[in-house]
Protein backbone atom coordinates (compact mmCIF):
# COMPACT_ATOMS: atom_id res chain seq x y z
CA MET A 1 10.03 -4.89 3.65
CA ALA A 2 11.59 -1.87 1.94
CA ARG A 3 13.67 -1.21 5.05
CA HIS A 4 14.88 -4.82 4.95
CA ASN A 5 15.85 -4.29 1.31
CA PHE A 6 17.84 -1.19 2.29
CA LEU A 7 19.67 -3.26 4.91
CA ALA A 8 20.40 -5.87 2.25
CA GLY A 9 22.06 -3.20 0.06
CA ARG A 10 19.28 -2.42 -2.44
CA LYS A 11 18.30 1.11 -3.43
CA PRO A 12 15.00 2.53 -4.74
CA PRO A 13 13.18 1.62 -6.89
CA LYS A 14 14.50 -1.90 -6.30
CA THR A 15 13.41 -1.67 -2.64
CA GLY A 16 9.76 -1.49 -3.71
CA PHE A 17 9.90 -3.71 -6.82
CA TRP A 18 7.71 -6.78 -6.48
CA LEU A 19 10.40 -9.36 -7.22
CA ASN A 20 12.26 -7.99 -4.19
CA ASN A 21 9.19 -7.06 -2.16
CA PRO A 22 6.18 -9.39 -1.84
CA HIS A 23 4.23 -6.51 -0.26
CA ALA A 24 4.55 -4.27 -3.34
CA ASN A 25 0.79 -4.51 -4.05
CA ASP A 26 -0.17 -3.65 -0.46
CA ASN A 27 -1.83 -0.39 0.48
CA ASP A 28 1.03 0.89 2.68
CA PHE A 29 1.89 3.76 0.32
CA GLN A 30 -1.81 4.48 -0.04
CA LYS A 31 -2.03 4.94 3.74
CA ALA A 32 0.86 7.40 3.78
CA SER A 33 0.34 9.45 0.61
CA ASP A 34 -2.33 11.88 1.92
CA VAL A 35 0.32 14.49 2.68
CA LEU A 36 1.61 14.43 -0.92
CA GLY A 37 -1.75 15.68 -2.16
CA ILE A 38 -1.98 18.24 0.64
CA LEU A 39 1.44 19.60 -0.35
CA ALA A 40 0.30 19.89 -3.99
CA PRO A 41 -3.09 21.66 -3.76
CA GLY A 42 -4.77 21.78 -7.16
CA MET A 43 -1.54 20.60 -8.80
CA PRO A 44 -1.96 16.93 -9.84
CA HIS A 45 1.32 17.01 -11.79
CA ALA A 46 3.17 17.95 -8.61
CA ALA A 47 1.40 15.23 -6.62
CA ILE A 48 2.41 12.66 -9.24
CA ARG A 49 6.01 13.85 -9.20
CA LEU A 50 6.21 13.59 -5.42
CA SER A 51 4.53 10.18 -5.49
CA ASP A 52 6.93 8.83 -8.09
CA ARG A 53 9.94 9.81 -5.99
CA ILE A 54 8.56 8.50 -2.69
CA GLY A 55 6.16 5.69 -3.59
CA HIS A 56 8.66 3.48 -5.37
CA ILE A 57 10.69 3.25 -2.18
CA ILE A 58 8.08 0.85 -0.76
CA ALA A 59 5.83 -0.22 -3.63
CA SER A 60 5.37 -0.87 -7.34
CA GLY A 61 2.46 -1.66 -9.63
CA ASP A 62 -0.93 -1.39 -7.95
CA GLY A 63 0.70 -0.60 -4.60
CA PHE A 64 2.31 2.46 -6.18
CA TYR A 65 -0.85 3.38 -8.08
CA GLY A 66 -2.91 3.32 -4.87
CA GLY A 67 -0.72 5.98 -3.27
CA VAL A 68 -0.79 8.15 -6.39
CA TYR A 69 -4.58 7.88 -6.53
CA ILE A 70 -5.07 9.00 -2.93
CA ALA A 71 -2.61 11.87 -3.40
CA LEU A 72 -4.49 12.97 -6.54
CA LEU A 73 -7.86 12.85 -4.79
CA TYR A 74 -6.51 15.19 -2.09
CA SER A 75 -4.83 17.49 -4.60
CA LEU A 76 -7.93 17.80 -6.76
CA ALA A 77 -10.29 18.17 -3.78
CA PHE A 78 -8.89 21.70 -3.35
CA ILE A 79 -10.29 22.76 -6.75
CA GLN A 80 -13.12 20.30 -7.49
CA GLU A 81 -16.53 20.33 -5.78
CA ASP A 82 -18.24 17.45 -7.60
CA ARG A 83 -17.44 14.03 -6.12
CA VAL A 84 -17.92 12.08 -9.38
CA LYS A 85 -15.73 14.47 -11.35
CA LEU A 86 -13.17 14.31 -8.56
CA VAL A 87 -12.85 10.53 -8.98
CA GLU A 88 -12.89 10.75 -12.79
CA GLU A 89 -10.10 13.33 -12.85
CA ALA A 90 -8.00 11.45 -10.30
CA LEU A 91 -8.22 8.38 -12.55
CA ARG A 92 -7.07 10.19 -15.72
CA PRO A 93 -3.31 9.54 -15.44
CA PHE A 94 -3.60 5.77 -14.96
CA PRO A 95 -3.03 3.25 -17.79
CA ALA A 96 -6.39 1.88 -18.87
CA LYS A 97 -5.00 -1.67 -19.04
CA SER A 98 -3.87 -1.61 -15.41
CA ALA A 99 -5.91 -3.58 -12.89
CA PHE A 100 -6.03 -0.52 -10.64
CA TYR A 101 -7.73 1.60 -13.32
CA GLN A 102 -10.21 -1.17 -14.09
CA VAL A 103 -11.26 -1.58 -10.45
CA ILE A 104 -11.96 2.13 -9.89
CA LYS A 105 -13.67 2.33 -13.30
CA ASP A 106 -15.92 -0.56 -12.24
CA VAL A 107 -16.82 1.36 -9.08
CA LEU A 108 -17.76 4.42 -11.14
CA ASP A 109 -19.82 2.36 -13.61
CA SER A 110 -21.67 0.56 -10.83
CA TYR A 111 -22.35 3.87 -9.05
CA ARG A 112 -23.99 5.22 -12.20
CA ARG A 113 -26.20 2.11 -12.42
CA HIS A 114 -27.02 1.98 -8.70
CA PRO A 115 -26.55 5.51 -7.31
CA GLN A 116 -28.65 4.78 -4.21
CA ASP A 117 -27.31 1.33 -3.30
CA TRP A 118 -23.66 1.19 -2.23
CA GLU A 119 -24.01 -2.45 -1.17
CA LYS A 120 -24.65 -3.53 -4.77
CA THR A 121 -21.45 -1.83 -5.85
CA TRP A 122 -19.59 -3.33 -2.88
CA SER A 123 -20.87 -6.80 -3.75
CA ALA A 124 -19.92 -6.49 -7.44
CA ILE A 125 -16.36 -5.39 -6.64
CA GLU A 126 -16.02 -8.04 -3.94
CA LYS A 127 -17.01 -10.80 -6.36
CA LYS A 128 -14.78 -9.66 -9.22
CA TRP A 129 -11.68 -8.21 -7.55
CA ALA A 130 -11.44 -9.14 -3.87
CA GLU A 131 -9.02 -12.08 -4.21
CA ASP A 132 -5.57 -10.92 -3.05
CA VAL A 133 -2.72 -12.07 -5.31
CA GLY A 134 0.28 -10.54 -3.56
CA CYS A 135 0.50 -9.99 0.19
CA PRO A 136 1.64 -13.28 1.77
CA GLU A 137 -0.51 -12.61 4.83
CA GLY A 138 -3.60 -11.94 2.74
CA VAL A 139 -3.62 -14.40 -0.16
CA LEU A 140 -6.10 -17.27 0.08
CA SER A 141 -7.54 -15.81 3.28
CA SER A 142 -10.18 -13.31 4.37
CA LEU A 143 -7.55 -10.60 4.89
CA ASN A 144 -6.99 -8.16 2.02
CA PHE A 145 -4.39 -5.40 2.06
CA GLU A 146 -4.22 -4.97 -1.73
CA ALA A 147 -4.18 -1.32 -2.75
CA LYS A 148 -6.66 -1.56 -5.60
CA VAL A 149 -9.44 -3.12 -3.51
CA ASN A 150 -8.97 -0.81 -0.54
CA ALA A 151 -8.84 2.19 -2.92
CA ALA A 152 -12.16 0.94 -4.30
CA TRP A 153 -13.68 1.10 -0.81
CA VAL A 154 -12.40 4.67 -0.35
CA THR A 155 -14.06 5.51 -3.66
CA VAL A 156 -17.34 3.84 -2.65
CA GLY A 157 -17.37 5.96 0.50
CA LEU A 158 -16.72 9.17 -1.43
CA LEU A 159 -19.36 8.51 -4.09
CA TYR A 160 -22.15 7.17 -1.90
CA GLY A 161 -21.50 9.49 1.04
CA ASN A 162 -23.38 12.24 -0.84
CA GLY A 163 -21.01 14.89 0.46
CA ASP A 164 -21.83 14.09 4.08
CA PHE A 165 -18.69 13.70 6.20
CA GLY A 166 -20.04 11.09 8.61
CA GLN A 167 -21.79 9.06 5.92
CA THR A 168 -18.64 8.99 3.77
CA VAL A 169 -16.55 7.66 6.65
CA SER A 170 -19.23 5.18 7.70
CA ILE A 171 -19.59 3.58 4.25
CA ALA A 172 -15.82 3.36 3.78
CA ILE A 173 -15.58 1.51 7.11
CA ARG A 174 -18.46 -0.83 6.34
CA CYS A 175 -16.83 -1.95 3.09
CA GLY A 176 -14.29 -3.74 5.28
CA ASP A 177 -10.73 -4.97 4.66
CA ASP A 178 -8.30 -2.27 5.92
CA ALA A 179 -11.29 -0.39 7.25
CA ASP A 180 -9.58 2.11 9.56
CA SER A 181 -7.10 3.25 6.91
CA ASN A 182 -9.80 3.49 4.25
CA ALA A 183 -11.97 5.58 6.55
CA ALA A 184 -9.03 7.88 7.29
CA ASN A 185 -8.39 8.37 3.56
CA ALA A 186 -12.07 8.94 2.76
CA GLY A 187 -12.57 11.30 5.70
CA GLY A 188 -9.50 13.35 4.85
CA ILE A 189 -10.48 13.68 1.20
CA ILE A 190 -14.12 14.64 1.84
CA GLY A 191 -12.92 17.01 4.57
CA THR A 192 -10.60 18.69 2.05
CA LEU A 193 -13.41 18.93 -0.50
CA LEU A 194 -15.86 20.40 2.02
CA GLY A 195 -13.40 22.68 3.82
CA TYR A 196 -12.80 22.75 7.57
CA GLU A 197 -15.73 25.01 8.40
CA LYS A 198 -18.24 22.62 6.79
CA ILE A 199 -17.07 19.55 8.70
CA PRO A 200 -19.75 19.02 11.40
CA ASN A 201 -18.65 20.20 14.84
CA ALA A 202 -19.33 16.76 16.33
CA TRP A 203 -16.31 15.45 14.40
CA LYS A 204 -14.08 18.27 15.63
CA THR A 205 -14.92 18.05 19.34
CA GLY A 206 -11.75 18.03 21.43
CA LEU A 207 -9.45 18.76 18.51
CA LYS A 208 -8.38 22.20 19.73
CA GLU A 209 -7.44 20.77 23.10
CA VAL A 210 -4.99 18.23 21.66
CA GLU A 211 -3.42 20.41 18.94
CA PRO A 212 -0.50 21.50 21.19
CA ALA A 213 0.28 17.92 22.30
CA ARG A 214 3.25 16.08 20.80
CA PHE A 215 2.69 12.65 19.31
CA GLY A 216 4.91 9.70 18.54
CA SER A 217 8.59 9.43 17.86
CA GLY A 218 8.48 12.46 15.56
CA ASN A 219 7.84 14.69 18.59
CA LEU A 220 5.57 16.89 16.46
CA SER A 221 2.30 18.48 17.53
CA LEU A 222 -0.75 18.86 15.31
CA ALA A 223 -0.35 22.64 15.38
CA GLU A 224 3.25 22.32 14.21
CA ALA A 225 2.20 19.88 11.50
CA TYR A 226 -0.43 22.35 10.24
CA GLU A 227 2.14 25.13 10.03
CA ALA A 228 4.69 22.92 8.27
CA ASN A 229 2.12 21.70 5.72
CA ILE A 230 0.99 25.22 4.88
CA ARG A 231 4.56 26.46 4.56
CA HIS A 232 5.60 23.62 2.27
CA ALA A 233 2.40 23.80 0.20
CA LEU A 234 2.92 27.51 -0.46
CA GLU A 235 6.50 26.82 -1.49
CA MET A 236 5.28 24.07 -3.85
CA ILE A 237 2.77 26.48 -5.41
CA LYS A 238 5.52 29.02 -6.11
CA ARG A 239 7.87 26.32 -7.41
CA HIS A 240 5.30 25.11 -9.91
CA GLY A 241 4.38 28.49 -11.35
CA GLY A 242 1.66 29.72 -9.01
CA LYS A 243 1.51 33.20 -7.52
CA LEU A 244 1.12 34.41 -3.94
CA SER A 245 -0.03 37.77 -2.66
CA GLU A 246 -1.44 39.11 0.58
CA GLU A 247 -4.99 38.70 -0.71
CA MET A 248 -4.86 35.75 -3.09
CA ILE A 249 -3.24 32.47 -4.03
CA THR A 250 -3.26 31.77 -7.78
CA LEU A 251 -2.69 28.12 -8.63
CA PRO A 252 -1.07 27.00 -11.89
CA ARG A 253 -3.27 25.25 -14.43
CA PRO A 254 -3.61 21.55 -13.47
CA ARG A 255 -1.80 19.04 -15.66
CA PHE A 256 -2.25 15.27 -15.79
CA PRO A 257 0.94 13.52 -16.93
CA SER A 258 0.38 9.86 -17.76
CA LEU A 259 1.73 7.18 -15.46
CA ARG A 260 3.76 4.37 -16.99
CA TYR A 261 2.28 0.90 -16.93
CA GLU A 262 3.36 -1.34 -14.04
CA ALA A 263 2.07 -4.81 -13.14
CA ASN A 264 3.09 -6.96 -10.19
CA PHE A 265 2.64 -10.73 -10.09
CA ASP A 266 1.84 -10.61 -13.80
CA HIS A 267 0.76 -14.12 -14.90
CA LEU A 268 1.25 -15.43 -11.34
CA TYR A 269 -1.45 -16.49 -8.90
CA PRO A 270 -1.41 -18.07 -5.44
CA LYS A 271 -2.64 -21.66 -5.69
CA GLU A 272 -1.94 -23.10 -2.23
CA ARG A 273 -1.45 -21.97 1.36
CA ARG A 274 0.18 -24.72 3.39
CA ARG A 275 0.80 -24.82 7.13
CA LEU A 276 4.39 -25.61 8.07
CA ASP A 277 4.82 -25.13 11.82
CA LEU A 278 8.54 -25.74 11.40
CA ARG A 279 11.42 -24.19 13.27
CA LEU A 280 15.02 -23.39 12.39
CA SER A 281 17.03 -23.61 15.59
CA GLU A 282 20.44 -24.37 17.07
CA LEU A 283 19.42 -28.02 17.31
CA LYS A 284 17.95 -28.08 13.80
CA PRO A 285 19.67 -25.37 11.73
CA GLU A 286 18.33 -26.57 8.38
CA VAL A 287 15.08 -27.63 6.73
CA THR A 288 14.06 -28.92 3.29
CA LEU A 289 10.69 -28.33 1.60
CA GLU A 290 9.27 -29.51 -1.71
CA PHE A 291 6.54 -27.80 -3.73
CA GLU A 292 5.18 -27.57 -7.26
CA GLY A 293 4.67 -24.15 -8.84
CA ALA A 294 6.47 -21.06 -10.15
CA GLY A 295 7.18 -19.20 -6.91
CA PHE A 296 6.78 -19.21 -3.15
CA ALA A 297 6.70 -17.03 -0.06
CA ILE A 298 7.12 -18.14 3.55
CA ASN A 299 5.61 -16.32 6.49
CA GLY A 300 7.76 -16.61 9.58
CA SER A 301 9.63 -14.71 12.26
CA LEU A 302 12.21 -14.81 15.04
CA ILE A 303 10.53 -16.06 18.20
CA LYS A 304 13.39 -16.29 20.71
CA LYS A 305 14.68 -13.20 22.46
CA VAL A 306 18.32 -12.53 21.66
CA GLN A 307 20.53 -9.44 21.61
CA GLU A 308 18.76 -6.81 19.53
CA ASP A 309 21.93 -5.96 17.62
CA HIS A 310 22.22 -9.48 16.21
CA THR A 311 21.31 -10.29 12.61
CA TYR A 312 20.71 -13.84 11.43
CA VAL A 313 21.65 -14.85 7.90
CA VAL A 314 19.90 -17.82 6.31
CA ALA A 315 21.11 -19.49 3.14
CA MET A 316 18.19 -20.08 0.73
CA VAL A 317 18.90 -22.75 -1.89
CA VAL A 318 16.39 -23.62 -4.62
CA ASP A 319 17.03 -26.68 -6.76
CA SER A 320 20.66 -26.92 -5.56
CA ARG A 321 21.38 -23.28 -6.48
CA LEU A 322 21.87 -20.45 -4.00
CA ALA A 323 18.83 -18.19 -4.46
CA GLY A 324 19.72 -15.66 -1.78
CA ALA A 325 20.85 -15.11 1.79
CA PRO A 326 17.98 -13.34 3.57
CA ILE A 327 18.85 -11.40 6.71
CA LEU A 328 16.69 -11.43 9.83
CA PRO A 329 17.61 -8.64 12.26
CA ALA A 330 16.63 -9.35 15.85
CA HIS A 331 15.71 -5.73 16.54
CA PRO A 332 11.88 -5.42 16.45
CA TYR A 333 12.01 -2.21 14.40
CA LEU A 334 14.17 -3.88 11.74
CA ARG A 335 12.32 -7.15 11.39
CA ASN A 336 11.96 -8.92 8.07
CA PRO A 337 8.19 -9.40 7.52
CA THR A 338 8.54 -12.06 4.80
CA PRO A 339 11.94 -13.68 5.17
CA PHE A 340 11.90 -16.18 2.30
CA PHE A 341 10.40 -15.80 -1.18
CA LYS A 342 11.14 -16.29 -4.87
CA PHE A 343 8.69 -15.54 -7.68
CA ASN A 344 10.44 -16.06 -11.03
CA LEU A 345 10.90 -19.84 -10.98
CA LYS A 346 10.25 -22.11 -13.92
CA PRO A 347 6.89 -23.88 -13.45
CA GLY A 348 7.35 -27.38 -12.05
CA ARG A 349 8.52 -29.24 -8.98
CA HIS A 350 11.11 -27.54 -6.77
CA ARG A 351 13.20 -28.32 -3.72
CA LEU A 352 13.84 -25.55 -1.18
CA PHE A 353 16.65 -25.80 1.37
CA LEU A 354 17.11 -23.30 4.23
CA GLN A 355 20.08 -23.22 6.59
CA ILE A 356 21.10 -20.80 9.34
CA SER A 357 24.54 -19.45 8.54
CA GLU A 358 27.29 -19.04 11.13
CA PRO A 359 27.93 -17.26 13.40
CA SER A 360 24.59 -17.73 15.13
CA PRO A 361 23.59 -17.64 18.79
CA LYS A 362 20.79 -19.88 19.98
CA ALA A 363 18.21 -19.21 17.31
CA ASP A 364 14.54 -19.98 16.88
CA ILE A 365 13.13 -18.98 13.50
CA GLN A 366 9.50 -19.99 13.17
CA LEU A 367 8.27 -20.98 9.68
CA ASP A 368 4.49 -20.65 9.87
CA GLU A 369 3.24 -21.30 6.35
CA ILE A 370 4.24 -21.37 2.70
CA ILE A 371 2.24 -19.76 -0.10
CA ILE A 372 2.82 -21.43 -3.46
CA TYR A 373 2.35 -19.49 -6.71
CA ASP A 374 1.88 -20.83 -10.22
CA ARG A 375 1.68 -19.46 -13.74
CA ARG A 376 -1.69 -18.14 -14.85
CA ARG A 377 -3.05 -19.26 -18.16
CA GLU A 378 -3.37 -16.47 -20.72
CA ASN A 379 -7.16 -16.77 -21.00
CA ASN A 380 -7.71 -16.34 -17.24
CA ARG A 381 -7.65 -13.04 -15.34
């Protein structure tokens, strides 16, 4: 979604801001922020600074907070041996009124009440916080990619894993939702806290054999990634006042600058998920929808193969006023995951009109479903 915003001419932090990005609460930054903590060992202030520069490219609010939290857990795992204190210190910079802070605080409180029963903590968080309010694919469904809930499951794994690598990963997986990503976060953090030598050999079997192999489009091997991370981390230590010698690395004193308060979908909630099964095409280049609420998002995609260098433009008109002209690149790497959305409408009945703009080859744009948002009453969470 951020890449789409770049293509539409926006720059960070607008690319990650929730009014421009319905995935701003998702855990995408959380899944990619591990390296920011690794590059700032024992330096939470440096991890926060890196996160602020990078995270707002793709996220805001809880989506941004989730990435900062994971980066801080990694950073502090280099200097903290107690799992509870690790979570407490990683939570220090967050605004207490933020939903993200409250979720992780609830995990900590439940752990203290039920230190031997992770399922009680899981159940309590699931009942209170598990309803997704942002991601159009996840709201009003069993899917949940929200950062705060998935960060809670990482935290449950860390606290209840009792310092055991396998148990930490297992519990994080069993909490569900984005289970593979949560397990990767939890495993990396507990591995950093334990140190490589204390990770059981069963988990490292075969690693040496694949370290020289190159992976993915980055054409980088694990061995090269190790070397790059160490080199950059040492440079970060020097840059932030630490000292290096042949025998010792001296880290600067950790600082915890406060994060500013951010809230996505504030006073908005998803009230309806409606199937559409409509199609914009050469034969029917326009469609009109009516709904009642304060915002909407439409899940859809290009479904006909055309030249990959083509970009569709669709006029989006709300209540007889042009509300935008979303672009839909045909190239699979440039796709627009949520082509049509608007969140700051006045509560009430609205009329939405979509029309493929010229020039357009034979087009098929599938409109799968619409998620309708409304204003939340002040006395409801």
